Amino acid sequence: MFRPSWTRLIPFSAGALLAVALTGCSMLDRAEDATAKTGTAPTGGASGTAGPRPIELLQKVGADGSVRTLLVKPDGSWDCRDCAGDGVNSTGRLTPEQTQRLQRMATDPQLAKETDQARAYKLSCIDTLTSTLLIPPGLTITQQDCPGEERPPVAGEILLLLTQATPAEVKG
């Protein structure tokens, strides 16, 4: 028999895996569309695309919490769905300086070393805030608000910038 804590972790893990898989497929489709239109694959940047890119932040507290989403477009405008876990949706815009900083960090070569796959990341805490950054064309970086868990340096700075400039939260 599973301990109660594991029974809550399994549905959350399945949900996170589904979100990552669907996002990866969506990003792969966009890359294939670009290749079909231009005849060449996108190049440049740490994660394989040239120019500004959208950044998505998915957050969830525990297995039973709702998924909170923040999408920051390349121009710095953002759309937040239940960002603070209070059911409120909001929109806004980063300052030009914040937008430049975010885009610079999103192309940092270090991010490739901070992905869930590169770190062999596994969820380690239950009933905490789990934050997943999705950066095209396929970088997925997850971190939890767990005591003692080290934050990936660049992804941690991206999360900090997003939580300071929007209603998204850095802690659950």
Protein backbone atom coordinates (compact mmCIF):
# COMPACT_ATOMS: atom_id res chain seq x y z
CA MET A 1 0.00 0.00 0.00
CA PHE A 2 1.28 3.49 -0.88
CA ARG A 3 1.73 6.10 1.78
CA PRO A 4 -0.75 8.99 1.37
CA SER A 5 2.03 11.37 0.29
CA TRP A 6 2.89 9.20 -2.74
CA THR A 7 -0.72 9.02 -3.87
CA ARG A 8 -0.77 12.80 -4.25
CA LEU A 9 2.63 12.96 -5.95
CA ILE A 10 1.74 10.52 -8.75
CA PRO A 11 -1.17 12.57 -10.23
CA PHE A 12 0.90 15.76 -10.03
CA SER A 13 3.88 14.10 -11.70
CA ALA A 14 1.60 12.76 -14.43
CA GLY A 15 0.13 16.24 -14.93
CA ALA A 16 3.56 17.86 -15.09
CA LEU A 17 4.74 15.22 -17.56
CA LEU A 18 1.66 15.79 -19.71
CA ALA A 19 2.22 19.57 -19.72
CA VAL A 20 5.87 19.09 -20.70
CA ALA A 21 4.97 16.58 -23.42
CA LEU A 22 2.26 18.80 -24.90
CA THR A 23 4.50 21.85 -24.80
CA GLY A 24 7.35 19.92 -26.39
CA CYS A 25 5.07 18.73 -29.20
CA SER A 26 3.78 22.25 -29.74
CA MET A 27 7.30 23.65 -29.89
CA LEU A 28 8.42 20.85 -32.20
CA ASP A 29 5.52 21.66 -34.54
CA ARG A 30 6.56 25.33 -34.60
CA ALA A 31 10.16 24.37 -35.42
CA GLU A 32 8.96 22.04 -38.19
CA ASP A 33 6.74 24.83 -39.59
CA ALA A 34 9.74 27.19 -39.65
CA THR A 35 11.83 24.57 -41.41
CA ALA A 36 9.10 23.94 -43.98
CA LYS A 37 8.66 27.67 -44.72
CA THR A 38 12.34 28.60 -44.94
CA GLY A 39 13.93 25.30 -45.89
CA THR A 40 16.31 25.56 -42.95
CA ALA A 41 16.09 24.76 -39.28
CA PRO A 42 16.08 27.66 -36.79
CA THR A 43 19.52 28.46 -35.41
CA GLY A 44 21.21 30.67 -32.86
CA GLY A 45 20.98 31.21 -29.12
CA ALA A 46 21.57 28.72 -26.35
CA SER A 47 18.43 26.80 -27.01
CA GLY A 48 18.41 26.84 -30.79
CA THR A 49 16.24 29.79 -31.85
CA ALA A 50 17.27 33.21 -33.04
CA GLY A 51 15.78 36.33 -31.55
CA PRO A 52 13.30 36.90 -28.76
CA ARG A 53 11.17 34.03 -27.54
CA PRO A 54 8.10 33.56 -25.35
CA ILE A 55 8.70 32.33 -21.82
CA GLU A 56 6.07 30.32 -19.97
CA LEU A 57 5.91 29.67 -16.25
CA LEU A 58 3.67 26.90 -14.90
CA GLN A 59 3.16 26.66 -11.16
CA LYS A 60 1.23 24.34 -8.89
CA VAL A 61 1.02 23.89 -5.12
CA GLY A 62 0.76 20.22 -4.19
CA ALA A 63 -1.13 17.58 -6.12
CA ASP A 64 -4.57 19.13 -5.62
CA GLY A 65 -3.73 22.74 -6.50
CA SER A 66 -4.77 24.39 -9.74
CA VAL A 67 -2.17 25.03 -12.43
CA ARG A 68 -1.15 28.66 -12.54
CA THR A 69 0.18 29.94 -15.87
CA LEU A 70 2.17 32.99 -16.87
CA LEU A 71 3.07 33.62 -20.51
CA VAL A 72 5.51 36.40 -21.29
CA LYS A 73 5.61 37.28 -24.98
CA PRO A 74 8.83 38.42 -26.67
CA ASP A 75 7.67 42.06 -26.53
CA GLY A 76 7.39 41.86 -22.71
CA SER A 77 3.60 41.72 -22.51
CA TRP A 78 2.34 39.04 -20.15
CA ASP A 79 -0.86 37.14 -19.51
CA CYS A 80 -1.37 35.54 -16.13
CA ARG A 81 -4.03 32.90 -15.38
CA ASP A 82 -4.62 32.28 -11.67
CA CYS A 83 -1.03 33.44 -11.16
CA ALA A 84 -1.19 33.92 -7.42
CA GLY A 85 -3.51 30.96 -6.86
CA ASP A 86 -6.40 33.31 -6.13
CA GLY A 87 -8.41 32.71 -9.32
CA VAL A 88 -7.64 36.18 -10.67
CA ASN A 89 -6.44 36.58 -14.27
CA SER A 90 -4.38 39.63 -15.19
CA THR A 91 -2.26 41.13 -17.94
CA GLY A 92 0.59 43.60 -18.02
CA ARG A 93 3.92 44.45 -19.54
CA LEU A 94 7.50 44.18 -18.35
CA THR A 95 9.63 47.31 -18.56
CA PRO A 96 11.98 47.45 -21.57
CA GLU A 97 14.91 46.76 -19.22
CA GLN A 98 13.16 43.72 -17.72
CA THR A 99 12.26 42.44 -21.19
CA GLN A 100 15.87 42.77 -22.39
CA ARG A 101 17.19 41.08 -19.26
CA LEU A 102 14.66 38.23 -19.57
CA GLN A 103 15.49 37.65 -23.23
CA ARG A 104 19.24 37.77 -22.49
CA MET A 105 18.84 35.15 -19.75
CA ALA A 106 16.61 33.01 -22.01
CA THR A 107 19.49 32.69 -24.49
CA ASP A 108 22.17 32.00 -21.87
CA PRO A 109 24.06 28.80 -22.83
CA GLN A 110 24.04 27.78 -19.14
CA LEU A 111 20.29 27.02 -19.39
CA ALA A 112 21.04 23.85 -21.36
CA LYS A 113 22.87 22.55 -18.26
CA GLU A 114 19.94 23.50 -16.00
CA THR A 115 17.19 21.54 -17.78
CA ASP A 116 15.33 18.79 -15.94
CA GLN A 117 16.95 16.25 -18.26
CA ALA A 118 20.51 17.55 -17.74
CA ARG A 119 20.06 17.59 -13.95
CA ALA A 120 18.08 14.32 -13.90
CA TYR A 121 15.59 16.35 -11.85
CA LYS A 122 13.01 14.56 -9.73
CA LEU A 123 10.30 16.16 -7.61
CA SER A 124 11.40 15.79 -4.02
CA CYS A 125 8.82 17.64 -1.92
CA ILE A 126 5.09 17.28 -1.49
CA ASP A 127 2.60 20.12 -0.97
CA THR A 128 5.09 22.79 -2.02
CA LEU A 129 5.11 25.26 -4.89
CA THR A 130 6.52 23.65 -8.03
CA SER A 131 7.58 26.07 -10.77
CA THR A 132 8.38 24.94 -14.31
CA LEU A 133 9.88 27.28 -16.90
CA LEU A 134 9.24 26.42 -20.55
CA ILE A 135 11.63 28.14 -22.93
CA PRO A 136 11.45 27.38 -26.67
CA PRO A 137 12.45 25.27 -28.42
CA GLY A 138 12.18 22.70 -25.69
CA LEU A 139 14.01 23.71 -22.51
CA THR A 140 12.10 22.60 -19.41
CA ILE A 141 13.45 23.64 -16.03
CA THR A 142 11.60 22.71 -12.84
CA GLN A 143 12.30 23.86 -9.31
CA GLN A 144 10.45 23.47 -6.04
CA ASP A 145 10.13 25.68 -3.00
CA CYS A 146 11.77 22.99 -0.83
CA PRO A 147 14.08 23.54 2.12
CA GLY A 148 17.64 22.86 1.00
CA GLU A 149 16.87 22.56 -2.72
CA GLU A 150 19.38 24.47 -4.81
CA ARG A 151 17.92 26.66 -7.51
CA PRO A 152 19.49 26.50 -10.96
CA PRO A 153 21.40 29.82 -11.24
CA VAL A 154 20.07 31.28 -14.52
CA ALA A 155 16.59 29.71 -14.27
CA GLY A 156 16.42 30.91 -10.66
CA GLU A 157 17.14 34.47 -11.84
CA ILE A 158 14.44 34.17 -14.52
CA LEU A 159 11.94 32.95 -11.91
CA LEU A 160 12.92 35.80 -9.58
CA LEU A 161 12.47 38.41 -12.33
CA LEU A 162 9.06 36.99 -13.29
CA THR A 163 7.83 36.86 -9.70
CA GLN A 164 8.98 40.40 -8.97
CA ALA A 165 7.39 41.85 -12.13
CA THR A 166 4.09 39.90 -12.19
CA PRO A 167 1.58 38.42 -9.70
CA ALA A 168 3.35 35.03 -9.95
CA GLU A 169 4.85 33.85 -6.67
CA VAL A 170 8.32 32.55 -5.87
CA LYS A 171 7.10 30.70 -2.75
CA GLY A 172 3.92 28.72 -2.18
